[in-house]
Full PDB file with SEQRES, HELIX, SHEET, SSBOND, CRYST1, ORIGX, SCALE, CONECT and MASTER records, all heavy atoms in Angstrom:
SEQRES   1 A   47  ILE LEU ALA LEU GLY ALA PHE GLU ARG ALA LEU VAL THR          
SEQRES   2 A   47  PRO SER ARG PHE ASP MET TYR LEU LYS GLY ASP ILE ASP          
SEQRES   3 A   47  ALA LEU SER GLU GLU GLU LYS THR GLY LEU ARG LEU PHE          
SEQRES   4 A   47  ILE GLU LYS GLY CYS ALA SER CYS                              
HELIX    1 AA1 LEU A    2  ARG A    9  1                                   8    
HELIX    2 AA2 ARG A   16  LEU A   21  1                                   6    
HELIX    3 AA3 ILE A   25  ALA A   27  5                                   3    
HELIX    4 AA4 GLU A   30  GLU A   41  1                                  12    
HELIX    5 AA5 CYS A   44  SER A   46  5                                   3    
CRYST1    1.000    1.000    1.000  90.00  90.00  90.00 P 1           1          
ORIGX1      1.000000  0.000000  0.000000        0.00000                         
ORIGX2      0.000000  1.000000  0.000000        0.00000                         
ORIGX3      0.000000  0.000000  1.000000        0.00000                         
SCALE1      1.000000  0.000000  0.000000        0.00000                         
SCALE2      0.000000  1.000000  0.000000        0.00000                         
SCALE3      0.000000  0.000000  1.000000        0.00000                         
ATOM      1  N   ILE A   1     168.135 312.717  31.749  1.00  0.00           N  
ATOM      2  CA  ILE A   1     168.021 312.069  30.448  1.00  0.00           C  
ATOM      3  C   ILE A   1     169.398 311.700  29.893  1.00  0.00           C  
ATOM      4  O   ILE A   1     169.591 310.617  29.342  1.00  0.00           O  
ATOM      5  CB  ILE A   1     167.265 312.989  29.463  1.00  0.00           C  
ATOM      6  CG1 ILE A   1     165.867 313.301  29.989  1.00  0.00           C  
ATOM      7  CG2 ILE A   1     167.200 312.351  28.086  1.00  0.00           C  
ATOM      8  CD1 ILE A   1     165.079 312.092  30.438  1.00  0.00           C  
ATOM      9  N   LEU A   2     170.375 312.577  30.049  1.00  0.00           N  
ATOM     10  CA  LEU A   2     171.721 312.305  29.561  1.00  0.00           C  
ATOM     11  C   LEU A   2     172.339 311.120  30.309  1.00  0.00           C  
ATOM     12  O   LEU A   2     173.031 310.288  29.709  1.00  0.00           O  
ATOM     13  CB  LEU A   2     172.602 313.539  29.695  1.00  0.00           C  
ATOM     14  CG  LEU A   2     172.274 314.712  28.771  1.00  0.00           C  
ATOM     15  CD1 LEU A   2     173.164 315.914  29.099  1.00  0.00           C  
ATOM     16  CD2 LEU A   2     172.432 314.320  27.302  1.00  0.00           C  
ATOM     17  N   ALA A   3     172.101 311.036  31.607  1.00  0.00           N  
ATOM     18  CA  ALA A   3     172.649 309.932  32.394  1.00  0.00           C  
ATOM     19  C   ALA A   3     172.013 308.606  31.993  1.00  0.00           C  
ATOM     20  O   ALA A   3     172.702 307.594  31.812  1.00  0.00           O  
ATOM     21  CB  ALA A   3     172.430 310.197  33.885  1.00  0.00           C  
ATOM     22  N   LEU A   4     170.699 308.593  31.837  1.00  0.00           N  
ATOM     23  CA  LEU A   4     170.028 307.373  31.384  1.00  0.00           C  
ATOM     24  C   LEU A   4     170.507 306.972  29.991  1.00  0.00           C  
ATOM     25  O   LEU A   4     170.734 305.793  29.711  1.00  0.00           O  
ATOM     26  CB  LEU A   4     168.509 307.581  31.380  1.00  0.00           C  
ATOM     27  CG  LEU A   4     167.812 307.503  32.732  1.00  0.00           C  
ATOM     28  CD1 LEU A   4     166.379 308.029  32.631  1.00  0.00           C  
ATOM     29  CD2 LEU A   4     167.813 306.073  33.264  1.00  0.00           C  
ATOM     30  N   GLY A   5     170.675 307.966  29.122  1.00  0.00           N  
ATOM     31  CA  GLY A   5     171.173 307.682  27.785  1.00  0.00           C  
ATOM     32  C   GLY A   5     172.565 307.090  27.809  1.00  0.00           C  
ATOM     33  O   GLY A   5     172.874 306.146  27.068  1.00  0.00           O  
ATOM     34  N   ALA A   6     173.442 307.629  28.659  1.00  0.00           N  
ATOM     35  CA  ALA A   6     174.808 307.122  28.765  1.00  0.00           C  
ATOM     36  C   ALA A   6     174.814 305.670  29.242  1.00  0.00           C  
ATOM     37  O   ALA A   6     175.587 304.837  28.743  1.00  0.00           O  
ATOM     38  CB  ALA A   6     175.615 308.002  29.719  1.00  0.00           C  
ATOM     39  N   PHE A   7     173.963 305.353  30.202  1.00  0.00           N  
ATOM     40  CA  PHE A   7     173.868 303.972  30.687  1.00  0.00           C  
ATOM     41  C   PHE A   7     173.458 303.033  29.560  1.00  0.00           C  
ATOM     42  O   PHE A   7     174.079 301.973  29.338  1.00  0.00           O  
ATOM     43  CB  PHE A   7     172.861 303.887  31.834  1.00  0.00           C  
ATOM     44  CG  PHE A   7     172.535 302.481  32.255  1.00  0.00           C  
ATOM     45  CD1 PHE A   7     173.499 301.676  32.834  1.00  0.00           C  
ATOM     46  CD2 PHE A   7     171.254 301.965  32.063  1.00  0.00           C  
ATOM     47  CE1 PHE A   7     173.201 300.376  33.220  1.00  0.00           C  
ATOM     48  CE2 PHE A   7     170.951 300.667  32.447  1.00  0.00           C  
ATOM     49  CZ  PHE A   7     171.924 299.867  33.025  1.00  0.00           C  
ATOM     50  N   GLU A   8     172.433 303.411  28.816  1.00  0.00           N  
ATOM     51  CA  GLU A   8     171.967 302.539  27.742  1.00  0.00           C  
ATOM     52  C   GLU A   8     172.978 302.449  26.604  1.00  0.00           C  
ATOM     53  O   GLU A   8     173.067 301.423  25.919  1.00  0.00           O  
ATOM     54  CB  GLU A   8     170.600 303.004  27.241  1.00  0.00           C  
ATOM     55  CG  GLU A   8     169.513 302.840  28.296  1.00  0.00           C  
ATOM     56  CD  GLU A   8     168.113 302.988  27.738  1.00  0.00           C  
ATOM     57  OE1 GLU A   8     167.893 302.641  26.558  1.00  0.00           O  
ATOM     58  OE2 GLU A   8     167.228 303.456  28.479  1.00  0.00           O  
ATOM     59  N   ARG A   9     173.761 303.498  26.385  1.00  0.00           N  
ATOM     60  CA  ARG A   9     174.789 303.458  25.345  1.00  0.00           C  
ATOM     61  C   ARG A   9     175.924 302.496  25.707  1.00  0.00           C  
ATOM     62  O   ARG A   9     176.691 302.072  24.833  1.00  0.00           O  
ATOM     63  CB  ARG A   9     175.342 304.865  25.097  1.00  0.00           C  
ATOM     64  CG  ARG A   9     174.351 305.779  24.394  1.00  0.00           C  
ATOM     65  CD  ARG A   9     174.894 307.180  24.151  1.00  0.00           C  
ATOM     66  NE  ARG A   9     173.889 307.996  23.477  1.00  0.00           N  
ATOM     67  CZ  ARG A   9     173.623 307.951  22.176  1.00  0.00           C  
ATOM     68  NH1 ARG A   9     174.313 307.131  21.403  1.00  0.00           N  
ATOM     69  NH2 ARG A   9     172.686 308.711  21.648  1.00  0.00           N  
ATOM     70  N   ALA A  10     176.023 302.158  26.984  1.00  0.00           N  
ATOM     71  CA  ALA A  10     177.052 301.220  27.432  1.00  0.00           C  
ATOM     72  C   ALA A  10     176.559 299.782  27.506  1.00  0.00           C  
ATOM     73  O   ALA A  10     177.339 298.877  27.814  1.00  0.00           O  
ATOM     74  CB  ALA A  10     177.576 301.650  28.810  1.00  0.00           C  
ATOM     75  N   LEU A  11     175.288 299.556  27.210  1.00  0.00           N  
ATOM     76  CA  LEU A  11     174.720 298.197  27.271  1.00  0.00           C  
ATOM     77  C   LEU A  11     175.026 297.450  25.970  1.00  0.00           C  
ATOM     78  O   LEU A  11     174.152 297.230  25.134  1.00  0.00           O  
ATOM     79  CB  LEU A  11     173.208 298.269  27.513  1.00  0.00           C  
ATOM     80  CG  LEU A  11     172.771 298.854  28.861  1.00  0.00           C  
ATOM     81  CD1 LEU A  11     171.249 298.953  28.925  1.00  0.00           C  
ATOM     82  CD2 LEU A  11     173.285 298.002  30.024  1.00  0.00           C  
ATOM     83  N   VAL A  12     176.261 297.052  25.818  1.00  0.00           N  
ATOM     84  CA  VAL A  12     176.737 296.391  24.597  1.00  0.00           C  
ATOM     85  C   VAL A  12     177.126 294.951  24.934  1.00  0.00           C  
ATOM     86  O   VAL A  12     177.866 294.718  25.887  1.00  0.00           O  
ATOM     87  CB  VAL A  12     177.945 297.145  24.009  1.00  0.00           C  
ATOM     88  CG1 VAL A  12     178.417 296.491  22.718  1.00  0.00           C  
ATOM     89  CG2 VAL A  12     177.581 298.609  23.759  1.00  0.00           C  
ATOM     90  N   THR A  13     176.596 293.998  24.161  1.00  0.00           N  
ATOM     91  CA  THR A  13     176.846 292.580  24.448  1.00  0.00           C  
ATOM     92  C   THR A  13     177.393 291.857  23.222  1.00  0.00           C  
ATOM     93  O   THR A  13     176.655 291.185  22.494  1.00  0.00           O  
ATOM     94  CB  THR A  13     175.543 291.881  24.911  1.00  0.00           C  
ATOM     95  OG1 THR A  13     174.561 291.983  23.868  1.00  0.00           O  
ATOM     96  CG2 THR A  13     175.001 292.512  26.177  1.00  0.00           C  
ATOM     97  N   PRO A  14     178.701 291.948  22.962  1.00  0.00           N  
ATOM     98  CA  PRO A  14     179.292 291.238  21.828  1.00  0.00           C  
ATOM     99  C   PRO A  14     179.109 289.725  21.955  1.00  0.00           C  
ATOM    100  O   PRO A  14     179.042 289.182  23.062  1.00  0.00           O  
ATOM    101  CB  PRO A  14     180.775 291.616  21.911  1.00  0.00           C  
ATOM    102  CG  PRO A  14     180.815 292.853  22.751  1.00  0.00           C  
ATOM    103  CD  PRO A  14     179.688 292.721  23.720  1.00  0.00           C  
ATOM    104  N   SER A  15     179.028 289.061  20.819  1.00  0.00           N  
ATOM    105  CA  SER A  15     178.784 287.624  20.794  1.00  0.00           C  
ATOM    106  C   SER A  15     179.820 286.920  19.922  1.00  0.00           C  
ATOM    107  O   SER A  15     180.741 287.543  19.383  1.00  0.00           O  
ATOM    108  CB  SER A  15     177.383 287.347  20.235  1.00  0.00           C  
ATOM    109  OG  SER A  15     177.340 287.656  18.843  1.00  0.00           O  
ATOM    110  N   ARG A  16     179.653 285.620  19.751  1.00  0.00           N  
ATOM    111  CA  ARG A  16     180.545 284.848  18.878  1.00  0.00           C  
ATOM    112  C   ARG A  16     180.490 285.352  17.437  1.00  0.00           C  
ATOM    113  O   ARG A  16     181.460 285.235  16.702  1.00  0.00           O  
ATOM    114  CB  ARG A  16     180.179 283.367  18.937  1.00  0.00           C  
ATOM    115  CG  ARG A  16     180.561 282.696  20.241  1.00  0.00           C  
ATOM    116  CD  ARG A  16     180.280 281.216  20.227  1.00  0.00           C  
ATOM    117  NE  ARG A  16     178.864 280.911  20.142  1.00  0.00           N  
ATOM    118  CZ  ARG A  16     178.243 280.411  19.073  1.00  0.00           C  
ATOM    119  NH1 ARG A  16     178.925 280.171  17.954  1.00  0.00           N  
ATOM    120  NH2 ARG A  16     176.958 280.152  19.113  1.00  0.00           N  
ATOM    121  N   PHE A  17     179.374 285.912  17.045  1.00  0.00           N  
ATOM    122  CA  PHE A  17     179.267 286.424  15.682  1.00  0.00           C  
ATOM    123  C   PHE A  17     180.224 287.592  15.465  1.00  0.00           C  
ATOM    124  O   PHE A  17     180.759 287.764  14.363  1.00  0.00           O  
ATOM    125  CB  PHE A  17     177.827 286.847  15.393  1.00  0.00           C  
ATOM    126  CG  PHE A  17     177.593 287.251  13.956  1.00  0.00           C  
ATOM    127  CD1 PHE A  17     177.909 286.401  12.911  1.00  0.00           C  
ATOM    128  CD2 PHE A  17     177.047 288.495  13.655  1.00  0.00           C  
ATOM    129  CE1 PHE A  17     177.700 286.770  11.589  1.00  0.00           C  
ATOM    130  CE2 PHE A  17     176.825 288.869  12.335  1.00  0.00           C  
ATOM    131  CZ  PHE A  17     177.156 288.008  11.300  1.00  0.00           C  
ATOM    132  N   ASP A  18     180.455 288.385  16.486  1.00  0.00           N  
ATOM    133  CA  ASP A  18     181.419 289.473  16.374  1.00  0.00           C  
ATOM    134  C   ASP A  18     182.828 288.920  16.191  1.00  0.00           C  
ATOM    135  O   ASP A  18     183.622 289.455  15.408  1.00  0.00           O  
ATOM    136  CB  ASP A  18     181.350 290.366  17.611  1.00  0.00           C  
ATOM    137  CG  ASP A  18     180.016 291.071  17.729  1.00  0.00           C  
ATOM    138  OD1 ASP A  18     179.817 292.092  17.058  1.00  0.00           O  
ATOM    139  OD2 ASP A  18     179.162 290.591  18.479  1.00  0.00           O  
ATOM    140  N   MET A  19     183.131 287.848  16.910  1.00  0.00           N  
ATOM    141  CA  MET A  19     184.437 287.205  16.753  1.00  0.00           C  
ATOM    142  C   MET A  19     184.593 286.690  15.322  1.00  0.00           C  
ATOM    143  O   MET A  19     185.657 286.813  14.713  1.00  0.00           O  
ATOM    144  CB  MET A  19     184.579 286.069  17.758  1.00  0.00           C  
ATOM    145  CG  MET A  19     184.552 286.512  19.217  1.00  0.00           C  
ATOM    146  SD  MET A  19     184.445 285.120  20.370  1.00  0.00           S  
ATOM    147  CE  MET A  19     185.987 284.270  20.032  1.00  0.00           C  
ATOM    148  N   TYR A  20     183.516 286.136  14.788  1.00  0.00           N  
ATOM    149  CA  TYR A  20     183.535 285.639  13.407  1.00  0.00           C  
ATOM    150  C   TYR A  20     183.799 286.773  12.427  1.00  0.00           C  
ATOM    151  O   TYR A  20     184.663 286.669  11.546  1.00  0.00           O  
ATOM    152  CB  TYR A  20     182.202 284.960  13.102  1.00  0.00           C  
ATOM    153  CG  TYR A  20     182.056 284.500  11.661  1.00  0.00           C  
ATOM    154  CD1 TYR A  20     182.647 283.322  11.216  1.00  0.00           C  
ATOM    155  CD2 TYR A  20     181.315 285.257  10.747  1.00  0.00           C  
ATOM    156  CE1 TYR A  20     182.522 282.905   9.899  1.00  0.00           C  
ATOM    157  CE2 TYR A  20     181.184 284.848   9.430  1.00  0.00           C  
ATOM    158  CZ  TYR A  20     181.783 283.672   9.013  1.00  0.00           C  
ATOM    159  OH  TYR A  20     181.663 283.274   7.703  1.00  0.00           O  
ATOM    160  N   LEU A  21     183.084 287.880  12.586  1.00  0.00           N  
ATOM    161  CA  LEU A  21     183.256 289.013  11.674  1.00  0.00           C  
ATOM    162  C   LEU A  21     184.661 289.603  11.752  1.00  0.00           C  
ATOM    163  O   LEU A  21     185.161 290.174  10.782  1.00  0.00           O  
ATOM    164  CB  LEU A  21     182.224 290.100  11.986  1.00  0.00           C  
ATOM    165  CG  LEU A  21     180.765 289.773  11.655  1.00  0.00           C  
ATOM    166  CD1 LEU A  21     179.842 290.878  12.165  1.00  0.00           C  
ATOM    167  CD2 LEU A  21     180.550 289.562  10.163  1.00  0.00           C  
ATOM    168  N   LYS A  22     185.308 289.426  12.892  1.00  0.00           N  
ATOM    169  CA  LYS A  22     186.665 289.931  13.060  1.00  0.00           C  
ATOM    170  C   LYS A  22     187.716 288.954  12.527  1.00  0.00           C  
ATOM    171  O   LYS A  22     188.906 289.242  12.590  1.00  0.00           O  
ATOM    172  CB  LYS A  22     186.926 290.240  14.527  1.00  0.00           C  
ATOM    173  CG  LYS A  22     186.134 291.443  15.039  1.00  0.00           C  
ATOM    174  CD  LYS A  22     186.390 291.688  16.517  1.00  0.00           C  
ATOM    175  CE  LYS A  22     185.590 292.884  17.022  1.00  0.00           C  
ATOM    176  NZ  LYS A  22     185.836 293.158  18.456  1.00  0.00           N  
ATOM    177  N   GLY A  23     187.275 287.797  12.020  1.00  0.00           N  
ATOM    178  CA  GLY A  23     188.213 286.895  11.376  1.00  0.00           C  
ATOM    179  C   GLY A  23     188.364 285.526  11.976  1.00  0.00           C  
ATOM    180  O   GLY A  23     189.088 284.681  11.423  1.00  0.00           O  
ATOM    181  N   ASP A  24     187.683 285.261  13.103  1.00  0.00           N  
ATOM    182  CA  ASP A  24     187.780 283.938  13.722  1.00  0.00           C  
ATOM    183  C   ASP A  24     186.742 283.017  13.082  1.00  0.00           C  
ATOM    184  O   ASP A  24     185.605 282.910  13.537  1.00  0.00           O  
ATOM    185  CB  ASP A  24     187.552 284.053  15.229  1.00  0.00           C  
ATOM    186  CG  ASP A  24     187.751 282.733  15.958  1.00  0.00           C  
ATOM    187  OD1 ASP A  24     187.962 281.701  15.279  1.00  0.00           O  
ATOM    188  OD2 ASP A  24     187.697 282.717  17.195  1.00  0.00           O  
ATOM    189  N   ILE A  25     187.138 282.313  12.028  1.00  0.00           N  
ATOM    190  CA  ILE A  25     186.230 281.451  11.269  1.00  0.00           C  
ATOM    191  C   ILE A  25     185.597 280.384  12.149  1.00  0.00           C  
ATOM    192  O   ILE A  25     184.437 280.005  11.963  1.00  0.00           O  
ATOM    193  CB  ILE A  25     186.986 280.784  10.103  1.00  0.00           C  
ATOM    194  CG1 ILE A  25     187.512 281.834   9.126  1.00  0.00           C  
ATOM    195  CG2 ILE A  25     186.081 279.793   9.364  1.00  0.00           C  
ATOM    196  CD1 ILE A  25     186.457 282.569   8.362  1.00  0.00           C  
ATOM    197  N   ASP A  26     186.348 279.898  13.125  1.00  0.00           N  
ATOM    198  CA  ASP A  26     185.863 278.809  13.973  1.00  0.00           C  
ATOM    199  C   ASP A  26     184.919 279.280  15.083  1.00  0.00           C  
ATOM    200  O   ASP A  26     184.466 278.467  15.888  1.00  0.00           O  
ATOM    201  CB  ASP A  26     187.052 278.066  14.590  1.00  0.00           C  
ATOM    202  CG  ASP A  26     187.885 277.357  13.531  1.00  0.00           C  
ATOM    203  OD1 ASP A  26     187.307 276.924  12.519  1.00  0.00           O  
ATOM    204  OD2 ASP A  26     189.117 277.245  13.718  1.00  0.00           O  
ATOM    205  N   ALA A  27     184.625 280.568  15.141  1.00  0.00           N  
ATOM    206  CA  ALA A  27     183.719 281.073  16.180  1.00  0.00           C  
ATOM    207  C   ALA A  27     182.292 280.578  15.969  1.00  0.00           C  
ATOM    208  O   ALA A  27     181.506 280.495  16.913  1.00  0.00           O  
ATOM    209  CB  ALA A  27     183.748 282.592  16.206  1.00  0.00           C  
ATOM    210  N   LEU A  28     181.947 280.226  14.704  1.00  0.00           N  
ATOM    211  CA  LEU A  28     180.620 279.693  14.392  1.00  0.00           C  
ATOM    212  C   LEU A  28     180.735 278.214  14.035  1.00  0.00           C  
ATOM    213  O   LEU A  28     181.708 277.792  13.412  1.00  0.00           O  
ATOM    214  CB  LEU A  28     179.979 280.444  13.223  1.00  0.00           C  
ATOM    215  CG  LEU A  28     179.723 281.940  13.372  1.00  0.00           C  
ATOM    216  CD1 LEU A  28     178.923 282.453  12.177  1.00  0.00           C  
ATOM    217  CD2 LEU A  28     179.018 282.265  14.673  1.00  0.00           C  
ATOM    218  N   SER A  29     179.721 277.451  14.418  1.00  0.00           N  
ATOM    219  CA  SER A  29     179.663 276.032  14.037  1.00  0.00           C  
ATOM    220  C   SER A  29     179.279 275.920  12.567  1.00  0.00           C  
ATOM    221  O   SER A  29     178.851 276.892  11.937  1.00  0.00           O  
ATOM    222  CB  SER A  29     178.638 275.299  14.902  1.00  0.00           C  
ATOM    223  OG  SER A  29     177.313 275.741  14.572  1.00  0.00           O  
ATOM    224  N   GLU A  30     179.389 274.726  12.037  1.00  0.00           N  
ATOM    225  CA  GLU A  30     179.033 274.516  10.634  1.00  0.00           C  
ATOM    226  C   GLU A  30     177.546 274.792  10.397  1.00  0.00           C  
ATOM    227  O   GLU A  30     177.169 275.357   9.370  1.00  0.00           O  
ATOM    228  CB  GLU A  30     179.393 273.089  10.198  1.00  0.00           C  
ATOM    229  CG  GLU A  30     180.880 272.843  10.092  1.00  0.00           C  
ATOM    230  CD  GLU A  30     181.580 273.857   9.197  1.00  0.00           C  
ATOM    231  OE1 GLU A  30     181.087 274.104   8.072  1.00  0.00           O  
ATOM    232  OE2 GLU A  30     182.604 274.423   9.623  1.00  0.00           O  
ATOM    233  N   GLU A  31     176.689 274.387  11.335  1.00  0.00           N  
ATOM    234  CA  GLU A  31     175.253 274.645  11.168  1.00  0.00           C  
ATOM    235  C   GLU A  31     174.964 276.138  11.245  1.00  0.00           C  
ATOM    236  O   GLU A  31     174.127 276.646  10.500  1.00  0.00           O  
ATOM    237  CB  GLU A  31     174.425 273.903  12.212  1.00  0.00           C  
ATOM    238  CG  GLU A  31     172.925 274.062  11.968  1.00  0.00           C  
ATOM    239  CD  GLU A  31     172.054 273.258  12.903  1.00  0.00           C  
ATOM    240  OE1 GLU A  31     172.566 272.810  13.954  1.00  0.00           O  
ATOM    241  OE2 GLU A  31     170.868 273.074  12.585  1.00  0.00           O  
ATOM    242  N   GLU A  32     175.668 276.833  12.113  1.00  0.00           N  
ATOM    243  CA  GLU A  32     175.472 278.283  12.208  1.00  0.00           C  
ATOM    244  C   GLU A  32     175.918 278.978  10.924  1.00  0.00           C  
ATOM    245  O   GLU A  32     175.269 279.931  10.475  1.00  0.00           O  
ATOM    246  CB  GLU A  32     176.240 278.821  13.416  1.00  0.00           C  
ATOM    247  CG  GLU A  32     175.604 278.426  14.744  1.00  0.00           C  
ATOM    248  CD  GLU A  32     176.508 278.680  15.933  1.00  0.00           C  
ATOM    249  OE1 GLU A  32     177.723 278.918  15.736  1.00  0.00           O  
ATOM    250  OE2 GLU A  32     176.005 278.644  17.081  1.00  0.00           O  
ATOM    251  N   LYS A  33     176.989 278.489  10.325  1.00  0.00           N  
ATOM    252  CA  LYS A  33     177.437 279.055   9.050  1.00  0.00           C  
ATOM    253  C   LYS A  33     176.435 278.768   7.944  1.00  0.00           C  
ATOM    254  O   LYS A  33     176.178 279.621   7.083  1.00  0.00           O  
ATOM    255  CB  LYS A  33     178.809 278.497   8.682  1.00  0.00           C  
ATOM    256  CG  LYS A  33     179.929 278.976   9.584  1.00  0.00           C  
ATOM    257  CD  LYS A  33     181.230 278.249   9.258  1.00  0.00           C  
ATOM    258  CE  LYS A  33     182.302 278.549  10.290  1.00  0.00           C  
ATOM    259  NZ  LYS A  33     183.531 277.752  10.071  1.00  0.00           N  
ATOM    260  N   THR A  34     175.849 277.580   7.985  1.00  0.00           N  
ATOM    261  CA  THR A  34     174.794 277.257   7.019  1.00  0.00           C  
ATOM    262  C   THR A  34     173.624 278.214   7.187  1.00  0.00           C  
ATOM    263  O   THR A  34     173.058 278.725   6.210  1.00  0.00           O  
ATOM    264  CB  THR A  34     174.316 275.804   7.199  1.00  0.00           C  
ATOM    265  OG1 THR A  34     175.408 274.921   6.955  1.00  0.00           O  
ATOM    266  CG2 THR A  34     173.171 275.485   6.243  1.00  0.00           C  
ATOM    267  N   GLY A  35     173.265 278.474   8.447  1.00  0.00           N  
ATOM    268  CA  GLY A  35     172.178 279.413   8.728  1.00  0.00           C  
ATOM    269  C   GLY A  35     172.504 280.816   8.281  1.00  0.00           C  
ATOM    270  O   GLY A  35     171.641 281.532   7.747  1.00  0.00           O  
ATOM    271  N   LEU A  36     173.742 281.230   8.481  1.00  0.00           N  
ATOM    272  CA  LEU A  36     174.185 282.553   8.014  1.00  0.00           C  
ATOM    273  C   LEU A  36     174.062 282.654   6.503  1.00  0.00           C  
ATOM    274  O   LEU A  36     173.562 283.658   5.973  1.00  0.00           O  
ATOM    275  CB  LEU A  36     175.628 282.792   8.443  1.00  0.00           C  
ATOM    276  CG  LEU A  36     176.367 283.989   7.831  1.00  0.00           C  
ATOM    277  CD1 LEU A  36     175.634 285.301   8.144  1.00  0.00           C  
ATOM    278  CD2 LEU A  36     177.803 284.046   8.333  1.00  0.00           C  
ATOM    279  N   ARG A  37     174.502 281.608   5.810  1.00  0.00           N  
ATOM    280  CA  ARG A  37     174.428 281.600   4.346  1.00  0.00           C  
ATOM    281  C   ARG A  37     172.975 281.693   3.884  1.00  0.00           C  
ATOM    282  O   ARG A  37     172.638 282.469   2.969  1.00  0.00           O  
ATOM    283  CB  ARG A  37     175.080 280.322   3.812  1.00  0.00           C  
ATOM    284  CG  ARG A  37     175.224 280.279   2.284  1.00  0.00           C  
ATOM    285  CD  ARG A  37     175.958 279.031   1.829  1.00  0.00           C  
ATOM    286  NE  ARG A  37     177.362 279.039   2.244  1.00  0.00           N  
ATOM    287  CZ  ARG A  37     177.855 278.278   3.228  1.00  0.00           C  
ATOM    288  NH1 ARG A  37     177.055 277.444   3.897  1.00  0.00           N  
ATOM    289  NH2 ARG A  37     179.128 278.335   3.537  1.00  0.00           N  
ATOM    290  N   LEU A  38     172.083 280.939   4.526  1.00  0.00           N  
ATOM    291  CA  LEU A  38     170.659 280.982   4.186  1.00  0.00           C  
ATOM    292  C   LEU A  38     170.058 282.348   4.504  1.00  0.00           C  
ATOM    293  O   LEU A  38     169.229 282.864   3.753  1.00  0.00           O  
ATOM    294  CB  LEU A  38     169.909 279.891   4.951  1.00  0.00           C  
ATOM    295  CG  LEU A  38     170.127 278.456   4.492  1.00  0.00           C  
ATOM    296  CD1 LEU A  38     169.566 277.477   5.523  1.00  0.00           C  
ATOM    297  CD2 LEU A  38     169.447 278.216   3.135  1.00  0.00           C  
ATOM    298  N   PHE A  39     170.463 282.913   5.625  1.00  0.00           N  
ATOM    299  CA  PHE A  39     169.963 284.225   6.056  1.00  0.00           C  
ATOM    300  C   PHE A  39     170.237 285.276   4.985  1.00  0.00           C  
ATOM    301  O   PHE A  39     169.412 286.150   4.717  1.00  0.00           O  
ATOM    302  CB  PHE A  39     170.641 284.605   7.374  1.00  0.00           C  
ATOM    303  CG  PHE A  39     170.053 285.796   8.070  1.00  0.00           C  
ATOM    304  CD1 PHE A  39     168.969 285.658   8.922  1.00  0.00           C  
ATOM    305  CD2 PHE A  39     170.594 287.065   7.898  1.00  0.00           C  
ATOM    306  CE1 PHE A  39     168.424 286.754   9.585  1.00  0.00           C  
ATOM    307  CE2 PHE A  39     170.065 288.169   8.548  1.00  0.00           C  
ATOM    308  CZ  PHE A  39     168.975 288.017   9.393  1.00  0.00           C  
ATOM    309  N   ILE A  40     171.405 285.166   4.366  1.00  0.00           N  
ATOM    310  CA  ILE A  40     171.775 286.103   3.300  1.00  0.00           C  
ATOM    311  C   ILE A  40     171.086 285.739   1.990  1.00  0.00           C  
ATOM    312  O   ILE A  40     170.467 286.591   1.330  1.00  0.00           O  
ATOM    313  CB  ILE A  40     173.304 286.123   3.118  1.00  0.00           C  
ATOM    314  CG1 ILE A  40     173.985 286.687   4.373  1.00  0.00           C  
ATOM    315  CG2 ILE A  40     173.684 286.943   1.891  1.00  0.00           C  
ATOM    316  CD1 ILE A  40     175.496 286.563   4.377  1.00  0.00           C  
ATOM    317  N   GLU A  41     171.160 284.466   1.609  1.00  0.00           N  
ATOM    318  CA  GLU A  41     170.650 284.044   0.306  1.00  0.00           C  
ATOM    319  C   GLU A  41     169.135 284.153   0.196  1.00  0.00           C  
ATOM    320  O   GLU A  41     168.606 284.480  -0.880  1.00  0.00           O  
ATOM    321  CB  GLU A  41     171.074 282.594   0.035  1.00  0.00           C  
ATOM    322  CG  GLU A  41     172.578 282.435  -0.205  1.00  0.00           C  
ATOM    323  CD  GLU A  41     172.970 280.976  -0.386  1.00  0.00           C  
ATOM    324  OE1 GLU A  41     172.108 280.087  -0.155  1.00  0.00           O  
ATOM    325  OE2 GLU A  41     174.141 280.717  -0.746  1.00  0.00           O  
ATOM    326  N   LYS A  42     168.422 283.897   1.273  1.00  0.00           N  
ATOM    327  CA  LYS A  42     166.957 283.953   1.226  1.00  0.00           C  
ATOM    328  C   LYS A  42     166.418 285.379   1.245  1.00  0.00           C  
ATOM    329  O   LYS A  42     165.252 285.602   0.948  1.00  0.00           O  
ATOM    330  CB  LYS A  42     166.367 283.165   2.404  1.00  0.00           C  
ATOM    331  CG  LYS A  42     166.663 281.670   2.380  1.00  0.00           C  
ATOM    332  CD  LYS A  42     165.978 280.980   1.221  1.00  0.00           C  
ATOM    333  CE  LYS A  42     166.225 279.475   1.244  1.00  0.00           C  
ATOM    334  NZ  LYS A  42     165.547 278.775   0.127  1.00  0.00           N  
ATOM    335  N   GLY A  43     167.257 286.345   1.622  1.00  0.00           N  
ATOM    336  CA  GLY A  43     166.828 287.732   1.604  1.00  0.00           C  
ATOM    337  C   GLY A  43     166.607 288.361   2.957  1.00  0.00           C  
ATOM    338  O   GLY A  43     166.244 289.547   3.041  1.00  0.00           O  
ATOM    339  N   CYS A  44     166.836 287.616   4.038  1.00  0.00           N  
ATOM    340  CA  CYS A  44     166.631 288.167   5.384  1.00  0.00           C  
ATOM    341  C   CYS A  44     167.520 289.375   5.627  1.00  0.00           C  
ATOM    342  O   CYS A  44     167.130 290.358   6.274  1.00  0.00           O  
ATOM    343  CB  CYS A  44     166.918 287.106   6.443  1.00  0.00           C  
ATOM    344  SG  CYS A  44     166.076 285.522   6.204  1.00  0.00           S  
ATOM    345  N   ALA A  45     168.756 289.303   5.084  1.00  0.00           N  
ATOM    346  CA  ALA A  45     169.739 290.360   5.330  1.00  0.00           C  
ATOM    347  C   ALA A  45     169.440 291.641   4.569  1.00  0.00           C  
ATOM    348  O   ALA A  45     170.109 292.655   4.787  1.00  0.00           O  
ATOM    349  CB  ALA A  45     171.137 289.860   4.968  1.00  0.00           C  
ATOM    350  N   SER A  46     168.448 291.622   3.695  1.00  0.00           N  
ATOM    351  CA  SER A  46     168.103 292.858   2.986  1.00  0.00           C  
ATOM    352  C   SER A  46     167.474 293.869   3.937  1.00  0.00           C  
ATOM    353  O   SER A  46     167.541 295.084   3.697  1.00  0.00           O  
ATOM    354  CB  SER A  46     167.132 292.561   1.833  1.00  0.00           C  
ATOM    355  OG  SER A  46     165.920 292.016   2.323  1.00  0.00           O  
ATOM    356  N   CYS A  47     166.863 293.399   5.016  1.00  0.00           N  
ATOM    357  CA  CYS A  47     166.285 294.288   6.033  1.00  0.00           C  
ATOM    358  C   CYS A  47     167.059 294.209   7.352  1.00  0.00           C  
ATOM    359  O   CYS A  47     167.310 295.225   7.990  1.00  0.00           O  
ATOM    360  CB  CYS A  47     164.824 293.937   6.285  1.00  0.00           C  
ATOM    361  SG  CYS A  47     163.714 294.281   4.908  1.00  0.00           S  
TER     362      CYS A  47                                                      
MASTER        0    0    0    5    0    0    0    6  361    1    0    4          
END                                                                             
């Protein structure tokens, strides 16, 4: 169980959104930023 858990704990797949959160504004397109803004404003990010 510990070995299986360790394997799954290493299954990490960073994306462009992580680059954005770290300060790379250009990692997201303008439409993606619009979607991010809507995601927050409409309430999706509350959950």
